[in-house]
Amino acid sequence: MTYLQLVNRVLTRLREDNVDTVSQNTYSNLIGVFVNDAKRLVEQAWDWSTLRSVITVSTVADDYLYSLPNTNDSSEVMTVVNDTSNTFMQYATKDWFEKYLYTTNVLTGSPKYYTYAGLDANGDTQIMVYPKPDGVYNLRFTTAVRGDELVNDTDTTFLPFNPIVQFATGFAIAERGEAGGQSAQETLTVANRMLSDAIALDSARHPEELIYQAV
């Protein structure tokens, strides 16, 4: 659903006239802010199927630090596979990496472990791998990449739109006091129920992620 469509759905619930562009007036601009707040809330509530993508990185000999293009500080690495060696890589802590990269004899070979290493100059997520690659290995990162704010009327989100609209409506009601007798708390309660239902529907596509095993 586009940014403009989301804003107009909120305006309709507030019994306001629809607009031709989000920036049409001060109030539609404010609703646009609430829509982006609601989008961010929904986006961060779950690793939605629509946010998931696979990023492939090819290693270079003796280089253990890599950037994941088109990611950001809200992105999440879910699994990492060393396609060349046909193995799943394991997460290790930053302290673990500090120990094995800087205080012991550094091993080289096929990468088996990874950890986060902040952001690069472009704002992309950086990942360290170990052992230090001794050649070219294709690493496949399954990620959940959360997007930027909606700016243009035609900017689109594929997140569930009902909770976004309902949360934004609740924020707007809280700002101005009421909307046809409906309180902000009532609206936000409905929004949370919509979000819960949407997560339940999407999680059914990934039932294995809700199974916990003792280790």
N, C-alpha and C. Protein backbone atom coordinates (compact mmCIF):
# COMPACT_ATOMS: atom_id res chain seq x y z
N MET A 1 0.85 -1.19 0.00
CA MET A 1 0.00 0.00 0.00
C MET A 1 0.88 1.24 0.00
N THR A 2 0.47 2.27 -0.73
CA THR A 2 1.30 3.47 -0.85
C THR A 2 1.15 4.37 0.38
N TYR A 3 2.10 5.27 0.51
CA TYR A 3 2.10 6.24 1.60
C TYR A 3 0.82 7.07 1.56
N LEU A 4 0.44 7.55 0.38
CA LEU A 4 -0.77 8.37 0.25
C LEU A 4 -2.02 7.58 0.62
N GLN A 5 -2.10 6.32 0.21
CA GLN A 5 -3.27 5.51 0.55
C GLN A 5 -3.37 5.30 2.06
N LEU A 6 -2.25 5.07 2.71
CA LEU A 6 -2.27 4.90 4.17
C LEU A 6 -2.75 6.17 4.86
N VAL A 7 -2.23 7.31 4.42
CA VAL A 7 -2.63 8.58 5.03
C VAL A 7 -4.12 8.82 4.84
N ASN A 8 -4.64 8.54 3.65
CA ASN A 8 -6.06 8.77 3.39
C ASN A 8 -6.95 7.81 4.19
N ARG A 9 -6.49 6.61 4.41
CA ARG A 9 -7.27 5.69 5.24
C ARG A 9 -7.36 6.20 6.68
N VAL A 10 -6.27 6.78 7.16
CA VAL A 10 -6.31 7.35 8.51
C VAL A 10 -7.23 8.56 8.54
N LEU A 11 -7.13 9.42 7.54
CA LEU A 11 -7.99 10.60 7.49
C LEU A 11 -9.46 10.22 7.44
N THR A 12 -9.78 9.18 6.71
CA THR A 12 -11.17 8.72 6.65
C THR A 12 -11.67 8.31 8.03
N ARG A 13 -10.83 7.59 8.79
CA ARG A 13 -11.22 7.17 10.13
C ARG A 13 -11.36 8.36 11.09
N LEU A 14 -10.68 9.44 10.76
CA LEU A 14 -10.78 10.65 11.59
C LEU A 14 -11.89 11.58 11.10
N ARG A 15 -12.63 11.14 10.07
CA ARG A 15 -13.72 11.92 9.47
C ARG A 15 -13.19 13.23 8.88
N GLU A 16 -12.02 13.11 8.26
CA GLU A 16 -11.41 14.24 7.57
C GLU A 16 -11.44 13.97 6.07
N ASP A 17 -11.38 15.04 5.27
CA ASP A 17 -11.34 14.89 3.82
C ASP A 17 -10.04 14.23 3.39
N ASN A 18 -10.14 13.38 2.35
CA ASN A 18 -8.93 12.79 1.77
C ASN A 18 -8.14 13.86 1.03
N VAL A 19 -6.86 13.59 0.80
CA VAL A 19 -5.98 14.55 0.15
C VAL A 19 -5.39 13.93 -1.12
N ASP A 20 -4.90 14.79 -2.01
CA ASP A 20 -4.29 14.34 -3.25
C ASP A 20 -2.80 14.09 -3.11
N THR A 21 -2.21 14.63 -2.06
CA THR A 21 -0.80 14.42 -1.76
C THR A 21 -0.62 14.56 -0.25
N VAL A 22 0.32 13.82 0.31
CA VAL A 22 0.52 13.84 1.76
C VAL A 22 0.87 15.24 2.25
N SER A 23 1.57 16.00 1.44
CA SER A 23 2.00 17.34 1.84
C SER A 23 0.96 18.41 1.53
N GLN A 24 -0.28 18.01 1.30
CA GLN A 24 -1.30 18.98 0.88
C GLN A 24 -1.58 20.05 1.93
N ASN A 25 -1.56 19.67 3.20
CA ASN A 25 -1.79 20.65 4.26
C ASN A 25 -1.07 20.21 5.53
N THR A 26 -1.12 21.06 6.52
CA THR A 26 -0.40 20.79 7.77
C THR A 26 -0.88 19.51 8.43
N TYR A 27 -2.20 19.29 8.40
CA TYR A 27 -2.74 18.12 9.11
C TYR A 27 -2.39 16.83 8.38
N SER A 28 -2.45 16.83 7.06
CA SER A 28 -2.09 15.61 6.33
C SER A 28 -0.60 15.30 6.52
N ASN A 29 0.23 16.35 6.64
CA ASN A 29 1.64 16.14 6.95
C ASN A 29 1.81 15.48 8.31
N LEU A 30 1.03 15.93 9.29
CA LEU A 30 1.09 15.35 10.63
C LEU A 30 0.66 13.89 10.60
N ILE A 31 -0.40 13.59 9.85
CA ILE A 31 -0.84 12.20 9.73
C ILE A 31 0.25 11.35 9.09
N GLY A 32 0.98 11.95 8.14
CA GLY A 32 2.10 11.23 7.53
C GLY A 32 3.16 10.86 8.55
N VAL A 33 3.41 11.76 9.51
CA VAL A 33 4.36 11.45 10.59
C VAL A 33 3.85 10.28 11.42
N PHE A 34 2.56 10.28 11.74
CA PHE A 34 1.99 9.20 12.54
C PHE A 34 2.02 7.88 11.77
N VAL A 35 1.80 7.93 10.45
CA VAL A 35 1.87 6.72 9.63
C VAL A 35 3.28 6.13 9.68
N ASN A 36 4.29 6.98 9.58
CA ASN A 36 5.66 6.47 9.64
C ASN A 36 5.99 5.92 11.03
N ASP A 37 5.48 6.57 12.08
CA ASP A 37 5.68 6.04 13.44
C ASP A 37 5.03 4.65 13.55
N ALA A 38 3.83 4.52 13.01
CA ALA A 38 3.12 3.24 13.08
C ALA A 38 3.82 2.18 12.24
N LYS A 39 4.30 2.58 11.07
CA LYS A 39 5.04 1.64 10.21
C LYS A 39 6.27 1.11 10.94
N ARG A 40 7.00 2.00 11.58
CA ARG A 40 8.20 1.59 12.30
C ARG A 40 7.85 0.62 13.43
N LEU A 41 6.77 0.90 14.15
CA LEU A 41 6.34 0.03 15.24
C LEU A 41 6.00 -1.37 14.72
N VAL A 42 5.22 -1.42 13.65
CA VAL A 42 4.83 -2.72 13.08
C VAL A 42 6.04 -3.44 12.51
N GLU A 43 6.91 -2.69 11.84
CA GLU A 43 8.08 -3.27 11.18
C GLU A 43 9.00 -3.96 12.17
N GLN A 44 9.13 -3.37 13.35
CA GLN A 44 10.08 -3.89 14.33
C GLN A 44 9.46 -4.96 15.24
N ALA A 45 8.17 -5.21 15.07
CA ALA A 45 7.50 -6.16 15.95
C ALA A 45 7.76 -7.62 15.59
N TRP A 46 8.23 -7.86 14.35
CA TRP A 46 8.36 -9.25 13.89
C TRP A 46 9.25 -9.26 12.65
N ASP A 47 9.90 -10.40 12.40
CA ASP A 47 10.70 -10.56 11.18
C ASP A 47 9.77 -10.96 10.04
N TRP A 48 9.05 -10.00 9.52
CA TRP A 48 8.03 -10.26 8.51
C TRP A 48 8.61 -10.92 7.26
N SER A 49 7.82 -11.80 6.65
CA SER A 49 8.26 -12.47 5.42
C SER A 49 8.63 -11.47 4.34
N THR A 50 7.89 -10.36 4.26
CA THR A 50 8.12 -9.37 3.22
C THR A 50 9.43 -8.60 3.42
N LEU A 51 10.01 -8.69 4.61
CA LEU A 51 11.26 -7.99 4.88
C LEU A 51 12.48 -8.87 4.62
N ARG A 52 12.25 -10.14 4.37
CA ARG A 52 13.36 -11.08 4.29
C ARG A 52 13.97 -11.12 2.88
N SER A 53 15.28 -11.19 2.86
CA SER A 53 15.99 -11.30 1.58
C SER A 53 17.30 -12.03 1.82
N VAL A 54 17.88 -12.50 0.73
CA VAL A 54 19.16 -13.22 0.80
C VAL A 54 20.23 -12.36 0.16
N ILE A 55 21.31 -12.16 0.88
CA ILE A 55 22.45 -11.38 0.39
C ILE A 55 23.66 -12.30 0.32
N THR A 56 24.27 -12.37 -0.84
CA THR A 56 25.44 -13.23 -1.04
C THR A 56 26.70 -12.38 -1.07
N VAL A 57 27.68 -12.80 -0.29
CA VAL A 57 28.96 -12.10 -0.22
C VAL A 57 30.06 -13.09 -0.56
N SER A 58 30.99 -12.68 -1.42
CA SER A 58 32.15 -13.51 -1.76
C SER A 58 33.35 -13.00 -0.97
N THR A 59 34.00 -13.90 -0.27
CA THR A 59 35.13 -13.50 0.56
C THR A 59 36.38 -13.27 -0.28
N VAL A 60 37.32 -12.60 0.33
CA VAL A 60 38.63 -12.35 -0.26
C VAL A 60 39.67 -12.89 0.72
N ALA A 61 40.70 -13.50 0.21
CA ALA A 61 41.73 -14.07 1.07
C ALA A 61 42.28 -13.03 2.04
N ASP A 62 42.37 -13.41 3.32
CA ASP A 62 42.94 -12.60 4.40
C ASP A 62 42.06 -11.43 4.84
N ASP A 63 40.84 -11.36 4.35
CA ASP A 63 39.93 -10.28 4.75
C ASP A 63 38.78 -10.90 5.55
N TYR A 64 38.63 -10.46 6.79
CA TYR A 64 37.59 -11.05 7.65
C TYR A 64 36.39 -10.12 7.87
N LEU A 65 36.42 -8.90 7.29
CA LEU A 65 35.36 -7.92 7.51
C LEU A 65 34.62 -7.65 6.20
N TYR A 66 33.26 -7.77 6.24
CA TYR A 66 32.46 -7.62 5.03
C TYR A 66 31.20 -6.80 5.32
N SER A 67 30.78 -6.03 4.32
CA SER A 67 29.55 -5.24 4.42
C SER A 67 28.43 -5.95 3.67
N LEU A 68 27.22 -5.83 4.23
CA LEU A 68 26.03 -6.38 3.58
C LEU A 68 25.31 -5.24 2.88
N PRO A 69 25.35 -5.19 1.55
CA PRO A 69 24.79 -4.03 0.83
C PRO A 69 23.29 -3.88 1.04
N ASN A 70 22.85 -2.62 1.05
CA ASN A 70 21.42 -2.28 1.15
C ASN A 70 20.81 -2.70 2.49
N THR A 71 21.63 -2.78 3.53
CA THR A 71 21.11 -3.02 4.87
C THR A 71 21.24 -1.73 5.68
N ASN A 72 20.91 -1.78 6.96
CA ASN A 72 20.99 -0.60 7.81
C ASN A 72 21.08 -1.03 9.27
N ASP A 73 21.01 -0.07 10.18
CA ASP A 73 21.18 -0.40 11.60
C ASP A 73 19.99 -1.13 12.18
N SER A 74 18.88 -1.23 11.41
CA SER A 74 17.72 -1.98 11.87
C SER A 74 17.64 -3.37 11.25
N SER A 75 18.62 -3.71 10.43
CA SER A 75 18.61 -5.01 9.75
C SER A 75 19.06 -6.11 10.70
N GLU A 76 18.61 -7.30 10.40
CA GLU A 76 18.91 -8.46 11.26
C GLU A 76 19.38 -9.62 10.40
N VAL A 77 20.47 -10.24 10.81
CA VAL A 77 20.94 -11.45 10.15
C VAL A 77 20.29 -12.64 10.85
N MET A 78 19.59 -13.46 10.07
CA MET A 78 18.85 -14.57 10.66
C MET A 78 19.64 -15.88 10.57
N THR A 79 20.17 -16.17 9.41
CA THR A 79 21.03 -17.35 9.24
C THR A 79 22.15 -17.00 8.27
N VAL A 80 23.26 -17.71 8.40
CA VAL A 80 24.38 -17.55 7.48
C VAL A 80 24.83 -18.93 7.04
N VAL A 81 24.94 -19.10 5.72
CA VAL A 81 25.38 -20.38 5.16
C VAL A 81 26.64 -20.15 4.34
N ASN A 82 27.64 -20.98 4.60
CA ASN A 82 28.82 -21.01 3.75
C ASN A 82 28.51 -21.94 2.59
N ASP A 83 28.07 -21.36 1.46
CA ASP A 83 27.65 -22.18 0.33
C ASP A 83 28.79 -22.99 -0.25
N THR A 84 29.98 -22.44 -0.21
CA THR A 84 31.13 -23.14 -0.78
C THR A 84 31.45 -24.41 0.00
N SER A 85 31.36 -24.32 1.33
CA SER A 85 31.66 -25.49 2.18
C SER A 85 30.41 -26.26 2.58
N ASN A 86 29.21 -25.75 2.18
CA ASN A 86 27.94 -26.40 2.49
C ASN A 86 27.73 -26.60 3.99
N THR A 87 27.96 -25.52 4.74
CA THR A 87 27.77 -25.58 6.19
C THR A 87 27.07 -24.32 6.67
N PHE A 88 26.32 -24.46 7.76
CA PHE A 88 25.75 -23.30 8.44
C PHE A 88 26.84 -22.68 9.31
N MET A 89 26.94 -21.36 9.28
CA MET A 89 27.89 -20.67 10.14
C MET A 89 27.21 -20.33 11.46
N GLN A 90 27.99 -20.29 12.52
CA GLN A 90 27.46 -20.04 13.86
C GLN A 90 27.80 -18.63 14.31
N TYR A 91 26.87 -18.04 15.06
CA TYR A 91 27.12 -16.72 15.65
C TYR A 91 28.07 -16.88 16.83
N ALA A 92 29.00 -15.94 16.97
CA ALA A 92 29.88 -15.87 18.13
C ALA A 92 29.90 -14.43 18.63
N THR A 93 30.21 -14.24 19.88
CA THR A 93 30.19 -12.90 20.46
C THR A 93 31.38 -12.08 19.97
N LYS A 94 31.25 -10.76 20.14
CA LYS A 94 32.35 -9.88 19.76
C LYS A 94 33.59 -10.17 20.60
N ASP A 95 33.41 -10.49 21.88
CA ASP A 95 34.56 -10.82 22.74
C ASP A 95 35.28 -12.06 22.23
N TRP A 96 34.48 -13.04 21.78
CA TRP A 96 35.07 -14.27 21.23
C TRP A 96 35.94 -13.93 20.03
N PHE A 97 35.44 -13.04 19.16
CA PHE A 97 36.22 -12.64 17.99
C PHE A 97 37.47 -11.87 18.38
N GLU A 98 37.34 -11.00 19.39
CA GLU A 98 38.50 -10.25 19.85
C GLU A 98 39.61 -11.21 20.30
N LYS A 99 39.21 -12.25 20.98
CA LYS A 99 40.19 -13.23 21.47
C LYS A 99 40.88 -13.95 20.33
N TYR A 100 40.11 -14.47 19.38
CA TYR A 100 40.71 -15.33 18.36
C TYR A 100 41.32 -14.55 17.19
N LEU A 101 40.95 -13.28 17.04
CA LEU A 101 41.55 -12.49 15.96
C LEU A 101 42.79 -11.73 16.42
N TYR A 102 42.86 -11.39 17.71
CA TYR A 102 43.91 -10.48 18.15
C TYR A 102 44.82 -11.01 19.24
N THR A 103 44.43 -12.08 19.93
CA THR A 103 45.26 -12.53 21.05
C THR A 103 45.78 -13.95 20.88
N THR A 104 45.47 -14.59 19.79
CA THR A 104 45.97 -15.94 19.53
C THR A 104 46.45 -16.01 18.08
N ASN A 105 47.04 -17.14 17.74
CA ASN A 105 47.42 -17.34 16.35
C ASN A 105 46.15 -17.46 15.51
N VAL A 106 46.01 -16.58 14.53
CA VAL A 106 44.79 -16.51 13.74
C VAL A 106 44.74 -17.68 12.75
N LEU A 107 43.62 -18.41 12.79
CA LEU A 107 43.44 -19.51 11.85
C LEU A 107 42.94 -18.97 10.52
N THR A 108 43.33 -19.62 9.44
CA THR A 108 42.79 -19.31 8.12
C THR A 108 42.12 -20.55 7.57
N GLY A 109 41.15 -20.32 6.69
CA GLY A 109 40.44 -21.45 6.12
C GLY A 109 39.02 -21.07 5.77
N SER A 110 38.14 -22.05 5.81
CA SER A 110 36.73 -21.83 5.49
C SER A 110 36.02 -21.19 6.68
N PRO A 111 35.36 -20.04 6.50
CA PRO A 111 34.69 -19.38 7.63
C PRO A 111 33.60 -20.25 8.25
N LYS A 112 33.58 -20.25 9.58
CA LYS A 112 32.60 -21.05 10.32
C LYS A 112 31.80 -20.19 11.31
N TYR A 113 32.30 -19.01 11.66
CA TYR A 113 31.65 -18.17 12.66
C TYR A 113 31.49 -16.74 12.12
N TYR A 114 30.51 -16.04 12.67
CA TYR A 114 30.30 -14.65 12.28
C TYR A 114 29.85 -13.84 13.49
N THR A 115 30.01 -12.52 13.39
CA THR A 115 29.49 -11.62 14.40
C THR A 115 29.27 -10.25 13.78
N TYR A 116 28.51 -9.41 14.45
CA TYR A 116 28.25 -8.05 13.97
C TYR A 116 29.45 -7.15 14.25
N ALA A 117 29.68 -6.19 13.35
CA ALA A 117 30.82 -5.28 13.52
C ALA A 117 30.41 -3.86 13.18
N GLY A 118 29.21 -3.46 13.59
CA GLY A 118 28.77 -2.08 13.38
C GLY A 118 28.35 -1.81 11.95
N LEU A 119 28.50 -0.54 11.54
CA LEU A 119 28.10 -0.10 10.21
C LEU A 119 29.30 0.47 9.47
N ASP A 120 29.27 0.37 8.13
CA ASP A 120 30.34 0.98 7.34
C ASP A 120 29.98 2.43 7.01
N ALA A 121 30.78 3.07 6.18
CA ALA A 121 30.57 4.48 5.87
C ALA A 121 29.26 4.73 5.13
N ASN A 122 28.71 3.70 4.49
CA ASN A 122 27.43 3.83 3.77
C ASN A 122 26.23 3.50 4.64
N GLY A 123 26.49 3.14 5.91
CA GLY A 123 25.40 2.77 6.80
C GLY A 123 24.98 1.33 6.67
N ASP A 124 25.76 0.52 5.93
CA ASP A 124 25.45 -0.90 5.77
C ASP A 124 26.00 -1.70 6.95
N THR A 125 25.30 -2.78 7.30
CA THR A 125 25.75 -3.66 8.37
C THR A 125 27.06 -4.33 7.99
N GLN A 126 28.00 -4.36 8.94
CA GLN A 126 29.26 -5.05 8.73
C GLN A 126 29.30 -6.34 9.54
N ILE A 127 29.91 -7.36 8.95
CA ILE A 127 30.01 -8.67 9.57
C ILE A 127 31.46 -9.12 9.56
N MET A 128 31.93 -9.67 10.68
CA MET A 128 33.24 -10.30 10.74
C MET A 128 33.06 -11.81 10.67
N VAL A 129 33.99 -12.49 10.02
CA VAL A 129 33.92 -13.95 9.91
C VAL A 129 35.23 -14.56 10.39
N TYR A 130 35.15 -15.82 10.80
CA TYR A 130 36.32 -16.54 11.30
C TYR A 130 36.11 -18.04 11.05
N PRO A 131 37.16 -18.77 10.71
CA PRO A 131 38.53 -18.35 10.47
C PRO A 131 38.65 -17.34 9.33
N LYS A 132 39.78 -16.64 9.30
CA LYS A 132 40.02 -15.67 8.23
C LYS A 132 40.07 -16.43 6.90
N PRO A 133 39.30 -16.01 5.92
CA PRO A 133 39.25 -16.76 4.66
C PRO A 133 40.64 -16.89 4.01
N ASP A 134 40.89 -18.06 3.43
CA ASP A 134 42.14 -18.27 2.70
C ASP A 134 41.91 -18.26 1.20
N GLY A 135 40.71 -17.83 0.81
CA GLY A 135 40.37 -17.78 -0.60
C GLY A 135 38.95 -17.28 -0.77
N VAL A 136 38.34 -17.62 -1.89
CA VAL A 136 36.98 -17.17 -2.18
C VAL A 136 35.97 -18.19 -1.66
N TYR A 137 35.07 -17.71 -0.78
CA TYR A 137 33.95 -18.52 -0.28
C TYR A 137 32.67 -17.70 -0.46
N ASN A 138 31.65 -18.34 -0.94
CA ASN A 138 30.37 -17.65 -1.11
C ASN A 138 29.54 -17.83 0.17
N LEU A 139 29.27 -16.71 0.84
CA LEU A 139 28.51 -16.73 2.08
C LEU A 139 27.12 -16.17 1.81
N ARG A 140 26.10 -16.90 2.24
CA ARG A 140 24.71 -16.50 1.98
C ARG A 140 24.06 -16.08 3.29
N PHE A 141 23.70 -14.79 3.37
CA PHE A 141 23.09 -14.22 4.56
C PHE A 141 21.59 -14.07 4.34
N THR A 142 20.80 -14.75 5.16
CA THR A 142 19.36 -14.52 5.15
C THR A 142 19.08 -13.41 6.15
N THR A 143 18.52 -12.31 5.66
CA THR A 143 18.38 -11.11 6.48
C THR A 143 16.93 -10.64 6.53
N ALA A 144 16.63 -9.87 7.56
CA ALA A 144 15.38 -9.10 7.62
C ALA A 144 15.79 -7.64 7.57
N VAL A 145 15.48 -6.99 6.46
CA VAL A 145 15.92 -5.61 6.23
C VAL A 145 14.74 -4.67 6.40
N ARG A 146 14.79 -3.87 7.45
CA ARG A 146 13.73 -2.89 7.71
C ARG A 146 14.03 -1.61 6.95
N GLY A 147 13.00 -1.06 6.29
CA GLY A 147 13.21 0.01 5.35
C GLY A 147 13.25 1.40 5.96
N ASP A 148 13.47 2.37 5.09
CA ASP A 148 13.48 3.77 5.50
C ASP A 148 12.05 4.28 5.64
N GLU A 149 11.92 5.49 6.13
CA GLU A 149 10.60 6.11 6.25
C GLU A 149 9.98 6.33 4.88
N LEU A 150 8.66 6.32 4.84
CA LEU A 150 7.94 6.67 3.62
C LEU A 150 8.03 8.18 3.44
N VAL A 151 8.34 8.61 2.23
CA VAL A 151 8.54 10.04 1.96
C VAL A 151 7.64 10.51 0.82
N ASN A 152 7.71 9.84 -0.31
CA ASN A 152 6.93 10.23 -1.48
C ASN A 152 5.54 9.57 -1.45
N ASP A 153 4.57 10.20 -2.09
CA ASP A 153 3.20 9.67 -2.11
C ASP A 153 3.16 8.23 -2.59
N THR A 154 4.02 7.88 -3.54
CA THR A 154 3.99 6.55 -4.15
C THR A 154 4.89 5.54 -3.45
N ASP A 155 5.61 5.97 -2.40
CA ASP A 155 6.42 5.00 -1.64
C ASP A 155 5.51 3.92 -1.09
N THR A 156 5.98 2.68 -1.15
CA THR A 156 5.12 1.53 -0.85
C THR A 156 5.69 0.71 0.30
N THR A 157 4.80 0.17 1.11
CA THR A 157 5.18 -0.84 2.10
C THR A 157 4.32 -2.08 1.88
N PHE A 158 4.94 -3.23 2.04
CA PHE A 158 4.22 -4.49 1.91
C PHE A 158 3.93 -5.11 3.27
N LEU A 159 4.12 -4.33 4.32
CA LEU A 159 3.74 -4.77 5.66
C LEU A 159 2.22 -4.82 5.77
N PRO A 160 1.67 -5.57 6.74
CA PRO A 160 0.21 -5.56 6.95
C PRO A 160 -0.26 -4.13 7.20
N PHE A 161 -1.20 -3.66 6.38
CA PHE A 161 -1.57 -2.25 6.47
C PHE A 161 -2.58 -1.95 7.57
N ASN A 162 -3.39 -2.94 7.95
CA ASN A 162 -4.42 -2.67 8.96
C ASN A 162 -3.85 -2.19 10.29
N PRO A 163 -2.86 -2.87 10.86
CA PRO A 163 -2.30 -2.35 12.12
C PRO A 163 -1.60 -1.01 11.94
N ILE A 164 -0.98 -0.76 10.79
CA ILE A 164 -0.34 0.53 10.55
C ILE A 164 -1.39 1.64 10.60
N VAL A 165 -2.49 1.44 9.88
CA VAL A 165 -3.55 2.45 9.85
C VAL A 165 -4.16 2.64 11.23
N GLN A 166 -4.38 1.54 11.94
CA GLN A 166 -5.03 1.64 13.25
C GLN A 166 -4.13 2.31 14.28
N PHE A 167 -2.85 1.98 14.27
CA PHE A 167 -1.92 2.65 15.19
C PHE A 167 -1.83 4.14 14.88
N ALA A 168 -1.71 4.47 13.59
CA ALA A 168 -1.61 5.88 13.21
C ALA A 168 -2.86 6.64 13.61
N THR A 169 -4.02 5.99 13.48
CA THR A 169 -5.27 6.62 13.90
C THR A 169 -5.28 6.85 15.40
N GLY A 170 -4.80 5.87 16.16
CA GLY A 170 -4.71 6.02 17.61
C GLY A 170 -3.79 7.16 18.02
N PHE A 171 -2.65 7.28 17.33
CA PHE A 171 -1.73 8.39 17.62
C PHE A 171 -2.39 9.73 17.33
N ALA A 172 -3.15 9.79 16.22
CA ALA A 172 -3.82 11.04 15.84
C ALA A 172 -4.91 11.41 16.84
N ILE A 173 -5.66 10.41 17.30
CA ILE A 173 -6.72 10.67 18.28
C ILE A 173 -6.10 11.17 19.59
N ALA A 174 -4.99 10.56 19.99
CA ALA A 174 -4.32 11.00 21.22
C ALA A 174 -3.86 12.44 21.10
N GLU A 175 -3.46 12.84 19.89
CA GLU A 175 -2.96 14.20 19.68
C GLU A 175 -4.07 15.24 19.76
N ARG A 176 -5.27 14.88 19.23
CA ARG A 176 -6.32 15.90 19.19
C ARG A 176 -7.44 15.68 20.20
N GLY A 177 -7.45 14.54 20.87
CA GLY A 177 -8.39 14.36 21.97
C GLY A 177 -9.44 13.29 21.76
N GLU A 178 -10.12 13.26 20.60
CA GLU A 178 -11.14 12.25 20.36
C GLU A 178 -11.46 12.22 18.87
N ALA A 179 -12.20 11.17 18.46
CA ALA A 179 -12.66 11.06 17.07
C ALA A 179 -14.00 10.34 17.09
N GLY A 180 -15.05 11.11 17.07
CA GLY A 180 -16.38 10.51 17.06
C GLY A 180 -16.69 9.71 18.30
N GLY A 181 -16.09 10.12 19.43
CA GLY A 181 -16.37 9.43 20.68
C GLY A 181 -15.43 8.28 20.98
N GLN A 182 -14.56 7.90 20.04
CA GLN A 182 -13.63 6.80 20.26
C GLN A 182 -12.35 7.33 20.88
N SER A 183 -11.91 6.71 21.97
CA SER A 183 -10.70 7.16 22.64
C SER A 183 -9.46 6.57 21.98
N ALA A 184 -8.33 7.23 22.26
CA ALA A 184 -7.07 6.73 21.73
C ALA A 184 -6.77 5.34 22.29
N GLN A 185 -7.05 5.12 23.56
CA GLN A 185 -6.76 3.83 24.17
C GLN A 185 -7.55 2.71 23.50
N GLU A 186 -8.82 2.97 23.20
CA GLU A 186 -9.63 1.96 22.51
C GLU A 186 -9.05 1.64 21.14
N THR A 187 -8.66 2.68 20.42
CA THR A 187 -8.11 2.49 19.08
C THR A 187 -6.80 1.72 19.13
N LEU A 188 -5.94 2.05 20.08
CA LEU A 188 -4.65 1.38 20.19
C LEU A 188 -4.80 -0.07 20.65
N THR A 189 -5.84 -0.34 21.45
CA THR A 189 -6.12 -1.72 21.84
C THR A 189 -6.48 -2.56 20.62
N VAL A 190 -7.32 -2.00 19.76
CA VAL A 190 -7.67 -2.69 18.51
C VAL A 190 -6.43 -2.86 17.63
N ALA A 191 -5.58 -1.84 17.58
CA ALA A 191 -4.36 -1.91 16.78
C ALA A 191 -3.45 -3.04 17.26
N ASN A 192 -3.30 -3.18 18.55
CA ASN A 192 -2.47 -4.26 19.10
C ASN A 192 -3.05 -5.62 18.77
N ARG A 193 -4.37 -5.74 18.77
CA ARG A 193 -5.00 -7.01 18.41
C ARG A 193 -4.76 -7.30 16.92
N MET A 194 -4.88 -6.28 16.09
CA MET A 194 -4.61 -6.46 14.65
C MET A 194 -3.16 -6.87 14.41
N LEU A 195 -2.24 -6.25 15.14
CA LEU A 195 -0.83 -6.59 15.00
C LEU A 195 -0.58 -8.03 15.43
N SER A 196 -1.17 -8.42 16.55
CA SER A 196 -1.02 -9.80 17.03
C SER A 196 -1.55 -10.80 16.02
N ASP A 197 -2.70 -10.50 15.44
CA ASP A 197 -3.28 -11.41 14.44
C ASP A 197 -2.39 -11.48 13.20
N ALA A 198 -1.85 -10.35 12.77
CA ALA A 198 -0.99 -10.33 11.59
C ALA A 198 0.29 -11.13 11.82
N ILE A 199 0.86 -11.01 13.02
CA ILE A 199 2.05 -11.79 13.35
C ILE A 199 1.72 -13.28 13.36
N ALA A 200 0.57 -13.64 13.90
CA ALA A 200 0.17 -15.05 13.94
C ALA A 200 0.04 -15.62 12.53
N LEU A 201 -0.55 -14.84 11.63
CA LEU A 201 -0.71 -15.30 10.25
C LEU A 201 0.65 -15.45 9.56
N ASP A 202 1.54 -14.48 9.76
CA ASP A 202 2.83 -14.54 9.09
C ASP A 202 3.72 -15.62 9.71
N SER A 203 3.65 -15.79 11.02
CA SER A 203 4.49 -16.80 11.66
C SER A 203 4.10 -18.21 11.25
N ALA A 204 2.85 -18.39 10.80
CA ALA A 204 2.42 -19.70 10.33
C ALA A 204 3.19 -20.12 9.08
N ARG A 205 3.79 -19.15 8.39
CA ARG A 205 4.61 -19.45 7.22
C ARG A 205 5.98 -19.97 7.62
N HIS A 206 6.33 -19.77 8.90
CA HIS A 206 7.65 -20.18 9.39
C HIS A 206 7.50 -20.91 10.73
N PRO A 207 6.76 -22.01 10.75
CA PRO A 207 6.49 -22.68 12.04
C PRO A 207 7.75 -23.17 12.74
N GLU A 208 8.80 -23.45 11.96
CA GLU A 208 10.03 -23.96 12.56
C GLU A 208 10.69 -22.93 13.47
N GLU A 209 10.38 -21.65 13.27
CA GLU A 209 11.02 -20.61 14.07
C GLU A 209 10.40 -20.48 15.45
N LEU A 210 9.25 -21.13 15.65
CA LEU A 210 8.58 -21.06 16.94
C LEU A 210 8.75 -22.35 17.74
N ILE A 211 9.66 -23.23 17.26
CA ILE A 211 9.94 -24.48 17.96
C ILE A 211 11.27 -24.32 18.68
N TYR A 212 11.25 -24.48 19.99
CA TYR A 212 12.46 -24.30 20.78
C TYR A 212 12.94 -25.67 21.28
N GLN A 213 14.22 -25.92 21.11
CA GLN A 213 14.80 -27.19 21.53
C GLN A 213 15.85 -26.97 22.59
N ALA A 214 15.90 -27.90 23.55
CA ALA A 214 16.91 -27.81 24.60
C ALA A 214 18.28 -28.14 24.00
N VAL A 215 19.28 -27.36 24.46
CA VAL A 215 20.65 -27.62 23.96
C VAL A 215 21.58 -27.81 25.15
